[in-house]
Amino acid sequence: MTKAETVAHWKRGAHASLKMATLAHKESEYALALFHCHLAVEKALKAVFILEKADNPPPTHDLLALAARLERSWSNQEEEVLAELTEYAVTARYDDISWAKLEATEKNSKFWIGQAKKLLSLLSV
């Protein structure tokens, strides 16, 4: 697979995960929506990593660590968003009742879908 094909694959995956987040939100599956928001941004960051570095992305779910390895600067607010969204890589899949009451809400799901859309746009994915 060429570099361009690999980047395109990761970008398609980012958009598919964002679509899944939106569908999960519509079905009131908020924990799943949060997980897919994280996944969309992770795939977008990895697409950009491959584009910039011509190398395989590191095997991590830490969005801030991935972002730090890219050839761009991030605002404090963007770094905070990436750090907060990273938490959903695991917690959204293995939630408990108290976590779900606080995090897996309609309002939170809608907010993070919006943040994921902004990050994909910022990354030109």
PDB file of N, CA and C in Angstrom:
ATOM      1  N   MET A   1       0.837  -1.169   0.000  1.00  0.00           N
ATOM      2  CA  MET A   1       0.000   0.000   0.000  1.00  0.00           C
ATOM      3  C   MET A   1       0.891   1.244   0.000  1.00  0.00           C
ATOM      4  N   THR A   2       0.561   2.218  -0.815  1.00  0.00           N
ATOM      5  CA  THR A   2       1.344   3.445  -0.871  1.00  0.00           C
ATOM      6  C   THR A   2       1.041   4.318   0.345  1.00  0.00           C
ATOM      7  N   LYS A   3       1.899   5.294   0.549  1.00  0.00           N
ATOM      8  CA  LYS A   3       1.692   6.236   1.645  1.00  0.00           C
ATOM      9  C   LYS A   3       0.343   6.942   1.475  1.00  0.00           C
ATOM     10  N   ALA A   4       0.038   7.378   0.264  1.00  0.00           N
ATOM     11  CA  ALA A   4      -1.229   8.066   0.001  1.00  0.00           C
ATOM     12  C   ALA A   4      -2.426   7.169   0.300  1.00  0.00           C
ATOM     13  N   GLU A   5      -2.334   5.901  -0.063  1.00  0.00           N
ATOM     14  CA  GLU A   5      -3.422   4.958   0.215  1.00  0.00           C
ATOM     15  C   GLU A   5      -3.577   4.731   1.718  1.00  0.00           C
ATOM     16  N   THR A   6      -2.457   4.662   2.414  1.00  0.00           N
ATOM     17  CA  THR A   6      -2.507   4.454   3.862  1.00  0.00           C
ATOM     18  C   THR A   6      -3.121   5.662   4.555  1.00  0.00           C
ATOM     19  N   VAL A   7      -2.715   6.855   4.158  1.00  0.00           N
ATOM     20  CA  VAL A   7      -3.285   8.076   4.728  1.00  0.00           C
ATOM     21  C   VAL A   7      -4.789   8.133   4.445  1.00  0.00           C
ATOM     22  N   ALA A   8      -5.179   7.825   3.222  1.00  0.00           N
ATOM     23  CA  ALA A   8      -6.601   7.828   2.849  1.00  0.00           C
ATOM     24  C   ALA A   8      -7.387   6.831   3.695  1.00  0.00           C
ATOM     25  N   HIS A   9      -6.792   5.678   3.959  1.00  0.00           N
ATOM     26  CA  HIS A   9      -7.433   4.654   4.793  1.00  0.00           C
ATOM     27  C   HIS A   9      -7.709   5.198   6.197  1.00  0.00           C
ATOM     28  N   TRP A  10      -6.711   5.833   6.807  1.00  0.00           N
ATOM     29  CA  TRP A  10      -6.869   6.395   8.159  1.00  0.00           C
ATOM     30  C   TRP A  10      -7.888   7.536   8.156  1.00  0.00           C
ATOM     31  N   LYS A  11      -7.892   8.362   7.113  1.00  0.00           N
ATOM     32  CA  LYS A  11      -8.862   9.451   7.034  1.00  0.00           C
ATOM     33  C   LYS A  11     -10.289   8.912   6.910  1.00  0.00           C
ATOM     34  N   ARG A  12     -10.459   7.896   6.065  1.00  0.00           N
ATOM     35  CA  ARG A  12     -11.790   7.276   5.944  1.00  0.00           C
ATOM     36  C   ARG A  12     -12.230   6.718   7.289  1.00  0.00           C
ATOM     37  N   GLY A  13     -11.305   6.098   7.993  1.00  0.00           N
ATOM     38  CA  GLY A  13     -11.614   5.555   9.313  1.00  0.00           C
ATOM     39  C   GLY A  13     -12.021   6.639  10.296  1.00  0.00           C
ATOM     40  N   ALA A  14     -11.357   7.786  10.224  1.00  0.00           N
ATOM     41  CA  ALA A  14     -11.706   8.906  11.105  1.00  0.00           C
ATOM     42  C   ALA A  14     -13.137   9.359  10.845  1.00  0.00           C
ATOM     43  N   HIS A  15     -13.483   9.495   9.571  1.00  0.00           N
ATOM     44  CA  HIS A  15     -14.841   9.932   9.228  1.00  0.00           C
ATOM     45  C   HIS A  15     -15.878   8.866   9.573  1.00  0.00           C
ATOM     46  N   ALA A  16     -15.534   7.613   9.399  1.00  0.00           N
ATOM     47  CA  ALA A  16     -16.457   6.530   9.758  1.00  0.00           C
ATOM     48  C   ALA A  16     -16.697   6.517  11.263  1.00  0.00           C
ATOM     49  N   SER A  17     -15.653   6.739  12.049  1.00  0.00           N
ATOM     50  CA  SER A  17     -15.810   6.760  13.507  1.00  0.00           C
ATOM     51  C   SER A  17     -16.638   7.961  13.949  1.00  0.00           C
ATOM     52  N   LEU A  18     -16.452   9.096  13.294  1.00  0.00           N
ATOM     53  CA  LEU A  18     -17.273  10.262  13.621  1.00  0.00           C
ATOM     54  C   LEU A  18     -18.734  10.003  13.267  1.00  0.00           C
ATOM     55  N   LYS A  19     -18.950   9.343  12.148  1.00  0.00           N
ATOM     56  CA  LYS A  19     -20.320   8.980  11.759  1.00  0.00           C
ATOM     57  C   LYS A  19     -20.930   8.034  12.794  1.00  0.00           C
ATOM     58  N   MET A  20     -20.142   7.075  13.268  1.00  0.00           N
ATOM     59  CA  MET A  20     -20.641   6.141  14.282  1.00  0.00           C
ATOM     60  C   MET A  20     -20.961   6.870  15.583  1.00  0.00           C
ATOM     61  N   ALA A  21     -20.149   7.867  15.933  1.00  0.00           N
ATOM     62  CA  ALA A  21     -20.423   8.659  17.139  1.00  0.00           C
ATOM     63  C   ALA A  21     -21.774   9.355  17.004  1.00  0.00           C
ATOM     64  N   THR A  22     -22.022   9.915  15.828  1.00  0.00           N
ATOM     65  CA  THR A  22     -23.278  10.623  15.583  1.00  0.00           C
ATOM     66  C   THR A  22     -24.464   9.656  15.633  1.00  0.00           C
ATOM     67  N   LEU A  23     -24.307   8.504  15.025  1.00  0.00           N
ATOM     68  CA  LEU A  23     -25.385   7.500  15.052  1.00  0.00           C
ATOM     69  C   LEU A  23     -25.636   7.000  16.468  1.00  0.00           C
ATOM     70  N   ALA A  24     -24.573   6.750  17.219  1.00  0.00           N
ATOM     71  CA  ALA A  24     -24.730   6.300  18.604  1.00  0.00           C
ATOM     72  C   ALA A  24     -25.438   7.369  19.430  1.00  0.00           C
ATOM     73  N   HIS A  25     -25.082   8.622  19.208  1.00  0.00           N
ATOM     74  CA  HIS A  25     -25.733   9.727  19.922  1.00  0.00           C
ATOM     75  C   HIS A  25     -27.235   9.740  19.627  1.00  0.00           C
ATOM     76  N   LYS A  26     -27.588   9.597  18.356  1.00  0.00           N
ATOM     77  CA  LYS A  26     -29.003   9.602  17.963  1.00  0.00           C
ATOM     78  C   LYS A  26     -29.776   8.459  18.610  1.00  0.00           C
ATOM     79  N   GLU A  27     -29.070   7.365  18.898  1.00  0.00           N
ATOM     80  CA  GLU A  27     -29.701   6.199  19.520  1.00  0.00           C
ATOM     81  C   GLU A  27     -29.569   6.219  21.052  1.00  0.00           C
ATOM     82  N   SER A  28     -29.124   7.348  21.585  1.00  0.00           N
ATOM     83  CA  SER A  28     -28.938   7.534  23.041  1.00  0.00           C
ATOM     84  C   SER A  28     -27.903   6.584  23.635  1.00  0.00           C
ATOM     85  N   GLU A  29     -26.958   6.155  22.819  1.00  0.00           N
ATOM     86  CA  GLU A  29     -25.845   5.314  23.274  1.00  0.00           C
ATOM     87  C   GLU A  29     -24.643   6.235  23.486  1.00  0.00           C
ATOM     88  N   TYR A  30     -24.710   7.007  24.557  1.00  0.00           N
ATOM     89  CA  TYR A  30     -23.760   8.093  24.750  1.00  0.00           C
ATOM     90  C   TYR A  30     -22.336   7.620  25.051  1.00  0.00           C
ATOM     91  N   ALA A  31     -22.184   6.553  25.808  1.00  0.00           N
ATOM     92  CA  ALA A  31     -20.831   6.031  26.072  1.00  0.00           C
ATOM     93  C   ALA A  31     -20.174   5.605  24.756  1.00  0.00           C
ATOM     94  N   LEU A  32     -20.925   4.957  23.918  1.00  0.00           N
ATOM     95  CA  LEU A  32     -20.408   4.528  22.616  1.00  0.00           C
ATOM     96  C   LEU A  32     -20.080   5.738  21.737  1.00  0.00           C
ATOM     97  N   ALA A  33     -20.901   6.759  21.808  1.00  0.00           N
ATOM     98  CA  ALA A  33     -20.624   7.985  21.050  1.00  0.00           C
ATOM     99  C   ALA A  33     -19.308   8.600  21.508  1.00  0.00           C
ATOM    100  N   LEU A  34     -19.075   8.648  22.804  1.00  0.00           N
ATOM    101  CA  LEU A  34     -17.836   9.217  23.335  1.00  0.00           C
ATOM    102  C   LEU A  34     -16.625   8.406  22.883  1.00  0.00           C
ATOM    103  N   PHE A  35     -16.743   7.095  22.930  1.00  0.00           N
ATOM    104  CA  PHE A  35     -15.648   6.238  22.476  1.00  0.00           C
ATOM    105  C   PHE A  35     -15.317   6.527  21.013  1.00  0.00           C
ATOM    106  N   HIS A  36     -16.332   6.632  20.172  1.00  0.00           N
ATOM    107  CA  HIS A  36     -16.094   6.864  18.746  1.00  0.00           C
ATOM    108  C   HIS A  36     -15.582   8.282  18.458  1.00  0.00           C
ATOM    109  N   CYS A  37     -15.909   9.240  19.319  1.00  0.00           N
ATOM    110  CA  CYS A  37     -15.306  10.579  19.176  1.00  0.00           C
ATOM    111  C   CYS A  37     -13.800  10.466  19.355  1.00  0.00           C
ATOM    112  N   HIS A  38     -13.394   9.759  20.396  1.00  0.00           N
ATOM    113  CA  HIS A  38     -11.960   9.566  20.627  1.00  0.00           C
ATOM    114  C   HIS A  38     -11.325   8.856  19.434  1.00  0.00           C
ATOM    115  N   LEU A  39     -11.965   7.793  18.978  1.00  0.00           N
ATOM    116  CA  LEU A  39     -11.414   7.001  17.882  1.00  0.00           C
ATOM    117  C   LEU A  39     -11.275   7.822  16.597  1.00  0.00           C
ATOM    118  N   ALA A  40     -12.241   8.677  16.327  1.00  0.00           N
ATOM    119  CA  ALA A  40     -12.184   9.524  15.132  1.00  0.00           C
ATOM    120  C   ALA A  40     -10.956  10.433  15.170  1.00  0.00           C
ATOM    121  N   VAL A  41     -10.726  11.048  16.309  1.00  0.00           N
ATOM    122  CA  VAL A  41      -9.584  11.959  16.434  1.00  0.00           C
ATOM    123  C   VAL A  41      -8.277  11.177  16.409  1.00  0.00           C
ATOM    124  N   GLU A  42      -8.244  10.024  17.047  1.00  0.00           N
ATOM    125  CA  GLU A  42      -7.032   9.200  17.023  1.00  0.00           C
ATOM    126  C   GLU A  42      -6.661   8.820  15.583  1.00  0.00           C
ATOM    127  N   LYS A  43      -7.630   8.396  14.814  1.00  0.00           N
ATOM    128  CA  LYS A  43      -7.363   8.011  13.427  1.00  0.00           C
ATOM    129  C   LYS A  43      -6.926   9.217  12.593  1.00  0.00           C
ATOM    130  N   ALA A  44      -7.522  10.370  12.845  1.00  0.00           N
ATOM    131  CA  ALA A  44      -7.127  11.573  12.114  1.00  0.00           C
ATOM    132  C   ALA A  44      -5.685  11.957  12.443  1.00  0.00           C
ATOM    133  N   LEU A  45      -5.330  11.909  13.721  1.00  0.00           N
ATOM    134  CA  LEU A  45      -3.960  12.222  14.117  1.00  0.00           C
ATOM    135  C   LEU A  45      -2.969  11.243  13.494  1.00  0.00           C
ATOM    136  N   LYS A  46      -3.349   9.989  13.445  1.00  0.00           N
ATOM    137  CA  LYS A  46      -2.457   8.985  12.861  1.00  0.00           C
ATOM    138  C   LYS A  46      -2.328   9.172  11.352  1.00  0.00           C
ATOM    139  N   ALA A  47      -3.386   9.618  10.696  1.00  0.00           N
ATOM    140  CA  ALA A  47      -3.294   9.923   9.256  1.00  0.00           C
ATOM    141  C   ALA A  47      -2.287  11.038   9.028  1.00  0.00           C
ATOM    142  N   VAL A  48      -2.364  12.078   9.827  1.00  0.00           N
ATOM    143  CA  VAL A  48      -1.445  13.204   9.682  1.00  0.00           C
ATOM    144  C   VAL A  48      -0.020  12.779  10.036  1.00  0.00           C
ATOM    145  N   PHE A  49       0.115  11.944  11.047  1.00  0.00           N
ATOM    146  CA  PHE A  49       1.441  11.440  11.421  1.00  0.00           C
ATOM    147  C   PHE A  49       2.094  10.719  10.239  1.00  0.00           C
ATOM    148  N   ILE A  50       1.334   9.836   9.602  1.00  0.00           N
ATOM    149  CA  ILE A  50       1.859   9.094   8.447  1.00  0.00           C
ATOM    150  C   ILE A  50       2.219  10.048   7.318  1.00  0.00           C
ATOM    151  N   LEU A  51       1.376  11.027   7.087  1.00  0.00           N
ATOM    152  CA  LEU A  51       1.623  12.012   6.034  1.00  0.00           C
ATOM    153  C   LEU A  51       2.908  12.796   6.296  1.00  0.00           C
ATOM    154  N   GLU A  52       3.083  13.231   7.536  1.00  0.00           N
ATOM    155  CA  GLU A  52       4.242  14.062   7.876  1.00  0.00           C
ATOM    156  C   GLU A  52       5.531  13.264   8.057  1.00  0.00           C
ATOM    157  N   LYS A  53       5.431  12.092   8.653  1.00  0.00           N
ATOM    158  CA  LYS A  53       6.631  11.354   9.038  1.00  0.00           C
ATOM    159  C   LYS A  53       6.974  10.204   8.087  1.00  0.00           C
ATOM    160  N   ALA A  54       6.053   9.836   7.213  1.00  0.00           N
ATOM    161  CA  ALA A  54       6.255   8.690   6.323  1.00  0.00           C
ATOM    162  C   ALA A  54       6.669   7.464   7.116  1.00  0.00           C
ATOM    163  N   ASP A  55       6.007   7.272   8.242  1.00  0.00           N
ATOM    164  CA  ASP A  55       6.315   6.157   9.133  1.00  0.00           C
ATOM    165  C   ASP A  55       5.012   5.707   9.784  1.00  0.00           C
ATOM    166  N   ASN A  56       5.038   4.507  10.354  1.00  0.00           N
ATOM    167  CA  ASN A  56       3.868   4.024  11.077  1.00  0.00           C
ATOM    168  C   ASN A  56       3.664   4.847  12.339  1.00  0.00           C
ATOM    169  N   PRO A  57       2.420   5.142  12.676  1.00  0.00           N
ATOM    170  CA  PRO A  57       2.170   5.903  13.896  1.00  0.00           C
ATOM    171  C   PRO A  57       2.460   5.049  15.126  1.00  0.00           C
ATOM    172  N   PRO A  58       2.785   5.692  16.233  1.00  0.00           N
ATOM    173  CA  PRO A  58       3.050   4.917  17.451  1.00  0.00           C
ATOM    174  C   PRO A  58       1.778   4.214  17.924  1.00  0.00           C
ATOM    175  N   PRO A  59       1.930   3.041  18.532  1.00  0.00           N
ATOM    176  CA  PRO A  59       0.757   2.291  18.992  1.00  0.00           C
ATOM    177  C   PRO A  59       0.251   2.825  20.336  1.00  0.00           C
ATOM    178  N   THR A  60      -0.385   3.984  20.280  1.00  0.00           N
ATOM    179  CA  THR A  60      -0.911   4.598  21.494  1.00  0.00           C
ATOM    180  C   THR A  60      -2.292   5.160  21.226  1.00  0.00           C
ATOM    181  N   HIS A  61      -3.062   5.280  22.312  1.00  0.00           N
ATOM    182  CA  HIS A  61      -4.377   5.915  22.222  1.00  0.00           C
ATOM    183  C   HIS A  61      -4.328   7.318  22.825  1.00  0.00           C
ATOM    184  N   ASP A  62      -3.155   7.738  23.262  1.00  0.00           N
ATOM    185  CA  ASP A  62      -2.973   9.034  23.910  1.00  0.00           C
ATOM    186  C   ASP A  62      -2.927  10.132  22.839  1.00  0.00           C
ATOM    187  N   LEU A  63      -4.025  10.866  22.723  1.00  0.00           N
ATOM    188  CA  LEU A  63      -4.145  11.869  21.670  1.00  0.00           C
ATOM    189  C   LEU A  63      -3.142  13.004  21.833  1.00  0.00           C
ATOM    190  N   LEU A  64      -2.892  13.408  23.052  1.00  0.00           N
ATOM    191  CA  LEU A  64      -1.941  14.487  23.282  1.00  0.00           C
ATOM    192  C   LEU A  64      -0.526  14.058  22.898  1.00  0.00           C
ATOM    193  N   ALA A  65      -0.172  12.816  23.202  1.00  0.00           N
ATOM    194  CA  ALA A  65       1.151  12.300  22.818  1.00  0.00           C
ATOM    195  C   ALA A  65       1.280  12.232  21.300  1.00  0.00           C
ATOM    196  N   LEU A  66       0.227  11.812  20.627  1.00  0.00           N
ATOM    197  CA  LEU A  66       0.250  11.781  19.156  1.00  0.00           C
ATOM    198  C   LEU A  66       0.378  13.192  18.592  1.00  0.00           C
ATOM    199  N   ALA A  67      -0.413  14.099  19.117  1.00  0.00           N
ATOM    200  CA  ALA A  67      -0.406  15.478  18.627  1.00  0.00           C
ATOM    201  C   ALA A  67       0.953  16.132  18.820  1.00  0.00           C
ATOM    202  N   ALA A  68       1.604  15.821  19.916  1.00  0.00           N
ATOM    203  CA  ALA A  68       2.910  16.418  20.213  1.00  0.00           C
ATOM    204  C   ALA A  68       3.966  16.011  19.196  1.00  0.00           C
ATOM    205  N   ARG A  69       3.763  14.890  18.538  1.00  0.00           N
ATOM    206  CA  ARG A  69       4.744  14.399  17.562  1.00  0.00           C
ATOM    207  C   ARG A  69       4.522  14.952  16.159  1.00  0.00           C
ATOM    208  N   LEU A  70       3.464  15.753  15.999  1.00  0.00           N
ATOM    209  CA  LEU A  70       3.181  16.339  14.688  1.00  0.00           C
ATOM    210  C   LEU A  70       3.895  17.669  14.535  1.00  0.00           C
ATOM    211  N   GLU A  71       4.048  18.069  13.295  1.00  0.00           N
ATOM    212  CA  GLU A  71       4.772  19.307  12.981  1.00  0.00           C
ATOM    213  C   GLU A  71       3.825  20.505  13.001  1.00  0.00           C
ATOM    214  N   ARG A  72       3.266  20.758  14.166  1.00  0.00           N
ATOM    215  CA  ARG A  72       2.370  21.893  14.350  1.00  0.00           C
ATOM    216  C   ARG A  72       2.320  22.243  15.820  1.00  0.00           C
ATOM    217  N   SER A  73       1.904  23.461  16.095  1.00  0.00           N
ATOM    218  CA  SER A  73       1.741  23.841  17.495  1.00  0.00           C
ATOM    219  C   SER A  73       0.270  23.756  17.859  1.00  0.00           C
ATOM    220  N   TRP A  74       0.045  23.537  19.110  1.00  0.00           N
ATOM    221  CA  TRP A  74      -1.308  23.385  19.626  1.00  0.00           C
ATOM    222  C   TRP A  74      -1.543  24.441  20.696  1.00  0.00           C
ATOM    223  N   SER A  75      -2.724  25.013  20.706  1.00  0.00           N
ATOM    224  CA  SER A  75      -3.072  25.963  21.758  1.00  0.00           C
ATOM    225  C   SER A  75      -3.287  25.190  23.055  1.00  0.00           C
ATOM    226  N   ASN A  76      -3.253  25.903  24.163  1.00  0.00           N
ATOM    227  CA  ASN A  76      -3.524  25.260  25.459  1.00  0.00           C
ATOM    228  C   ASN A  76      -4.902  24.631  25.468  1.00  0.00           C
ATOM    229  N   GLN A  77      -5.870  25.312  24.869  1.00  0.00           N
ATOM    230  CA  GLN A  77      -7.233  24.785  24.819  1.00  0.00           C
ATOM    231  C   GLN A  77      -7.290  23.497  23.997  1.00  0.00           C
ATOM    232  N   GLU A  78      -6.614  23.462  22.858  1.00  0.00           N
ATOM    233  CA  GLU A  78      -6.595  22.252  22.030  1.00  0.00           C
ATOM    234  C   GLU A  78      -5.932  21.105  22.775  1.00  0.00           C
ATOM    235  N   GLU A  79      -4.849  21.392  23.490  1.00  0.00           N
ATOM    236  CA  GLU A  79      -4.181  20.358  24.283  1.00  0.00           C
ATOM    237  C   GLU A  79      -5.097  19.821  25.377  1.00  0.00           C
ATOM    238  N   GLU A  80      -5.856  20.705  26.011  1.00  0.00           N
ATOM    239  CA  GLU A  80      -6.804  20.272  27.041  1.00  0.00           C
ATOM    240  C   GLU A  80      -7.882  19.375  26.444  1.00  0.00           C
ATOM    241  N   VAL A  81      -8.377  19.750  25.285  1.00  0.00           N
ATOM    242  CA  VAL A  81      -9.402  18.947  24.608  1.00  0.00           C
ATOM    243  C   VAL A  81      -8.848  17.563  24.277  1.00  0.00           C
ATOM    244  N   LEU A  82      -7.645  17.504  23.737  1.00  0.00           N
ATOM    245  CA  LEU A  82      -7.027  16.222  23.396  1.00  0.00           C
ATOM    246  C   LEU A  82      -6.817  15.367  24.643  1.00  0.00           C
ATOM    247  N   ALA A  83      -6.366  15.974  25.721  1.00  0.00           N
ATOM    248  CA  ALA A  83      -6.136  15.235  26.964  1.00  0.00           C
ATOM    249  C   ALA A  83      -7.451  14.699  27.530  1.00  0.00           C
ATOM    250  N   GLU A  84      -8.479  15.535  27.546  1.00  0.00           N
ATOM    251  CA  GLU A  84      -9.774  15.092  28.072  1.00  0.00           C
ATOM    252  C   GLU A  84     -10.389  13.997  27.199  1.00  0.00           C
ATOM    253  N   LEU A  85     -10.304  14.164  25.906  1.00  0.00           N
ATOM    254  CA  LEU A  85     -10.883  13.180  24.991  1.00  0.00           C
ATOM    255  C   LEU A  85     -10.163  11.836  25.092  1.00  0.00           C
ATOM    256  N   THR A  86      -8.889  11.856  25.423  1.00  0.00           N
ATOM    257  CA  THR A  86      -8.121  10.614  25.575  1.00  0.00           C
ATOM    258  C   THR A  86      -8.738   9.698  26.624  1.00  0.00           C
ATOM    259  N   GLU A  87      -9.328  10.271  27.642  1.00  0.00           N
ATOM    260  CA  GLU A  87      -9.927   9.465  28.705  1.00  0.00           C
ATOM    261  C   GLU A  87     -10.997   8.511  28.182  1.00  0.00           C
ATOM    262  N   TYR A  88     -11.642   8.875  27.090  1.00  0.00           N
ATOM    263  CA  TYR A  88     -12.726   8.047  26.562  1.00  0.00           C
ATOM    264  C   TYR A  88     -12.243   6.823  25.790  1.00  0.00           C
ATOM    265  N   ALA A  89     -10.955   6.717  25.561  1.00  0.00           N
ATOM    266  CA  ALA A  89     -10.423   5.541  24.860  1.00  0.00           C
ATOM    267  C   ALA A  89     -10.742   4.268  25.629  1.00  0.00           C
ATOM    268  N   VAL A  90     -10.682   4.349  26.930  1.00  0.00           N
ATOM    269  CA  VAL A  90     -10.929   3.172  27.769  1.00  0.00           C
ATOM    270  C   VAL A  90     -12.213   3.315  28.571  1.00  0.00           C
ATOM    271  N   THR A  91     -12.385   4.462  29.246  1.00  0.00           N
ATOM    272  CA  THR A  91     -13.520   4.588  30.164  1.00  0.00           C
ATOM    273  C   THR A  91     -14.865   4.462  29.466  1.00  0.00           C
ATOM    274  N   ALA A  92     -14.974   4.900  28.240  1.00  0.00           N
ATOM    275  CA  ALA A  92     -16.257   4.813  27.539  1.00  0.00           C
ATOM    276  C   ALA A  92     -16.611   3.376  27.166  1.00  0.00           C
ATOM    277  N   ARG A  93     -15.607   2.529  27.104  1.00  0.00           N
ATOM    278  CA  ARG A  93     -15.874   1.116  26.794  1.00  0.00           C
ATOM    279  C   ARG A  93     -16.136   0.301  28.050  1.00  0.00           C
ATOM    280  N   TYR A  94     -15.576   0.729  29.162  1.00  0.00           N
ATOM    281  CA  TYR A  94     -15.683  -0.041  30.400  1.00  0.00           C
ATOM    282  C   TYR A  94     -16.292   0.814  31.500  1.00  0.00           C
ATOM    283  N   ASP A  95     -17.386   1.474  31.164  1.00  0.00           N
ATOM    284  CA  ASP A  95     -17.999   2.397  32.107  1.00  0.00           C
ATOM    285  C   ASP A  95     -18.652   1.679  33.284  1.00  0.00           C
ATOM    286  N   ASP A  96     -18.871   2.457  34.324  1.00  0.00           N
ATOM    287  CA  ASP A  96     -19.664   1.973  35.433  1.00  0.00           C
ATOM    288  C   ASP A  96     -20.824   2.943  35.612  1.00  0.00           C
ATOM    289  N   ILE A  97     -21.721   2.612  36.504  1.00  0.00           N
ATOM    290  CA  ILE A  97     -22.935   3.408  36.658  1.00  0.00           C
ATOM    291  C   ILE A  97     -22.620   4.846  37.054  1.00  0.00           C
ATOM    292  N   SER A  98     -21.718   5.034  38.002  1.00  0.00           N
ATOM    293  CA  SER A  98     -21.408   6.403  38.439  1.00  0.00           C
ATOM    294  C   SER A  98     -20.725   7.188  37.321  1.00  0.00           C
ATOM    295  N   TRP A  99     -19.841   6.541  36.561  1.00  0.00           N
ATOM    296  CA  TRP A  99     -19.203   7.219  35.422  1.00  0.00           C
ATOM    297  C   TRP A  99     -20.254   7.614  34.393  1.00  0.00           C
ATOM    298  N   ALA A 100     -21.138   6.693  34.076  1.00  0.00           N
ATOM    299  CA  ALA A 100     -22.155   6.944  33.049  1.00  0.00           C
ATOM    300  C   ALA A 100     -23.049   8.121  33.438  1.00  0.00           C
ATOM    301  N   LYS A 101     -23.412   8.224  34.705  1.00  0.00           N
ATOM    302  CA  LYS A 101     -24.258   9.334  35.146  1.00  0.00           C
ATOM    303  C   LYS A 101     -23.568  10.676  34.940  1.00  0.00           C
ATOM    304  N   LEU A 102     -22.272  10.700  35.132  1.00  0.00           N
ATOM    305  CA  LEU A 102     -21.518  11.948  35.006  1.00  0.00           C
ATOM    306  C   LEU A 102     -21.091  12.260  33.570  1.00  0.00           C
ATOM    307  N   GLU A 103     -20.673  11.256  32.843  1.00  0.00           N
ATOM    308  CA  GLU A 103     -20.021  11.465  31.548  1.00  0.00           C
ATOM    309  C   GLU A 103     -20.863  11.064  30.337  1.00  0.00           C
ATOM    310  N   ALA A 104     -21.509   9.937  30.403  1.00  0.00           N
ATOM    311  CA  ALA A 104     -22.230   9.418  29.239  1.00  0.00           C
ATOM    312  C   ALA A 104     -23.633  10.022  29.178  1.00  0.00           C
ATOM    313  N   THR A 105     -23.646  11.325  28.934  1.00  0.00           N
ATOM    314  CA  THR A 105     -24.905  12.064  28.894  1.00  0.00           C
ATOM    315  C   THR A 105     -25.130  12.619  27.482  1.00  0.00           C
ATOM    316  N   GLU A 106     -26.357  12.979  27.220  1.00  0.00           N
ATOM    317  CA  GLU A 106     -26.686  13.558  25.916  1.00  0.00           C
ATOM    318  C   GLU A 106     -25.891  14.841  25.690  1.00  0.00           C
ATOM    319  N   LYS A 107     -25.849  15.695  26.705  1.00  0.00           N
ATOM    320  CA  LYS A 107     -25.135  16.969  26.586  1.00  0.00           C
ATOM    321  C   LYS A 107     -23.643  16.752  26.323  1.00  0.00           C
ATOM    322  N   ASN A 108     -23.029  15.859  27.065  1.00  0.00           N
ATOM    323  CA  ASN A 108     -21.594  15.581  26.916  1.00  0.00           C
ATOM    324  C   ASN A 108     -21.305  14.952  25.551  1.00  0.00           C
ATOM    325  N   SER A 109     -22.146  14.040  25.144  1.00  0.00           N
ATOM    326  CA  SER A 109     -21.979  13.392  23.842  1.00  0.00           C
ATOM    327  C   SER A 109     -22.037  14.431  22.721  1.00  0.00           C
ATOM    328  N   LYS A 110     -23.016  15.307  22.787  1.00  0.00           N
ATOM    329  CA  LYS A 110     -23.156  16.359  21.768  1.00  0.00           C
ATOM    330  C   LYS A 110     -21.927  17.271  21.760  1.00  0.00           C
ATOM    331  N   PHE A 111     -21.457  17.644  22.955  1.00  0.00           N
ATOM    332  CA  PHE A 111     -20.282  18.505  23.058  1.00  0.00           C
ATOM    333  C   PHE A 111     -19.065  17.849  22.412  1.00  0.00           C
ATOM    334  N   TRP A 112     -18.802  16.583  22.728  1.00  0.00           N
ATOM    335  CA  TRP A 112     -17.603  15.923  22.228  1.00  0.00           C
ATOM    336  C   TRP A 112     -17.683  15.599  20.746  1.00  0.00           C
ATOM    337  N   ILE A 113     -18.871  15.379  20.237  1.00  0.00           N
ATOM    338  CA  ILE A 113     -19.010  15.226  18.782  1.00  0.00           C
ATOM    339  C   ILE A 113     -18.605  16.536  18.106  1.00  0.00           C
ATOM    340  N   GLY A 114     -19.016  17.645  18.670  1.00  0.00           N
ATOM    341  CA  GLY A 114     -18.624  18.943  18.135  1.00  0.00           C
ATOM    342  C   GLY A 114     -17.118  19.160  18.209  1.00  0.00           C
ATOM    343  N   GLN A 115     -16.505  18.766  19.314  1.00  0.00           N
ATOM    344  CA  GLN A 115     -15.055  18.905  19.459  1.00  0.00           C
ATOM    345  C   GLN A 115     -14.318  18.010  18.457  1.00  0.00           C
ATOM    346  N   ALA A 116     -14.815  16.795  18.277  1.00  0.00           N
ATOM    347  CA  ALA A 116     -14.187  15.876  17.319  1.00  0.00           C
ATOM    348  C   ALA A 116     -14.273  16.453  15.902  1.00  0.00           C
ATOM    349  N   LYS A 117     -15.415  17.015  15.549  1.00  0.00           N
ATOM    350  CA  LYS A 117     -15.567  17.635  14.228  1.00  0.00           C
ATOM    351  C   LYS A 117     -14.562  18.770  14.046  1.00  0.00           C
ATOM    352  N   LYS A 118     -14.418  19.608  15.073  1.00  0.00           N
ATOM    353  CA  LYS A 118     -13.456  20.720  14.995  1.00  0.00           C
ATOM    354  C   LYS A 118     -12.031  20.211  14.801  1.00  0.00           C
ATOM    355  N   LEU A 119     -11.672  19.156  15.544  1.00  0.00           N
ATOM    356  CA  LEU A 119     -10.307  18.632  15.426  1.00  0.00           C
ATOM    357  C   LEU A 119     -10.065  18.015  14.058  1.00  0.00           C
ATOM    358  N   LEU A 120     -11.035  17.279  13.518  1.00  0.00           N
ATOM    359  CA  LEU A 120     -10.856  16.724  12.186  1.00  0.00           C
ATOM    360  C   LEU A 120     -10.706  17.839  11.155  1.00  0.00           C
ATOM    361  N   SER A 121     -11.470  18.897  11.309  1.00  0.00           N
ATOM    362  CA  SER A 121     -11.355  20.031  10.405  1.00  0.00           C
ATOM    363  C   SER A 121      -9.986  20.704  10.552  1.00  0.00           C
ATOM    364  N   LEU A 122      -9.547  20.895  11.781  1.00  0.00           N
ATOM    365  CA  LEU A 122      -8.243  21.504  12.043  1.00  0.00           C
ATOM    366  C   LEU A 122      -7.108  20.684  11.413  1.00  0.00           C
ATOM    367  N   LEU A 123      -7.261  19.367  11.441  1.00  0.00           N
ATOM    368  CA  LEU A 123      -6.256  18.472  10.882  1.00  0.00           C
ATOM    369  C   LEU A 123      -6.433  18.273   9.371  1.00  0.00           C
ATOM    370  N   SER A 124      -7.421  18.926   8.789  1.00  0.00           N
ATOM    371  CA  SER A 124      -7.725  18.808   7.358  1.00  0.00           C
ATOM    372  C   SER A 124      -7.989  17.367   6.957  1.00  0.00           C
ATOM    373  N   VAL A 125      -8.746  16.702   7.793  1.00  0.00           N
ATOM    374  CA  VAL A 125      -9.105  15.305   7.525  1.00  0.00           C
ATOM    375  C   VAL A 125     -10.557  15.230   7.129  1.00  0.00           C
TER     376      VAL A 125
END
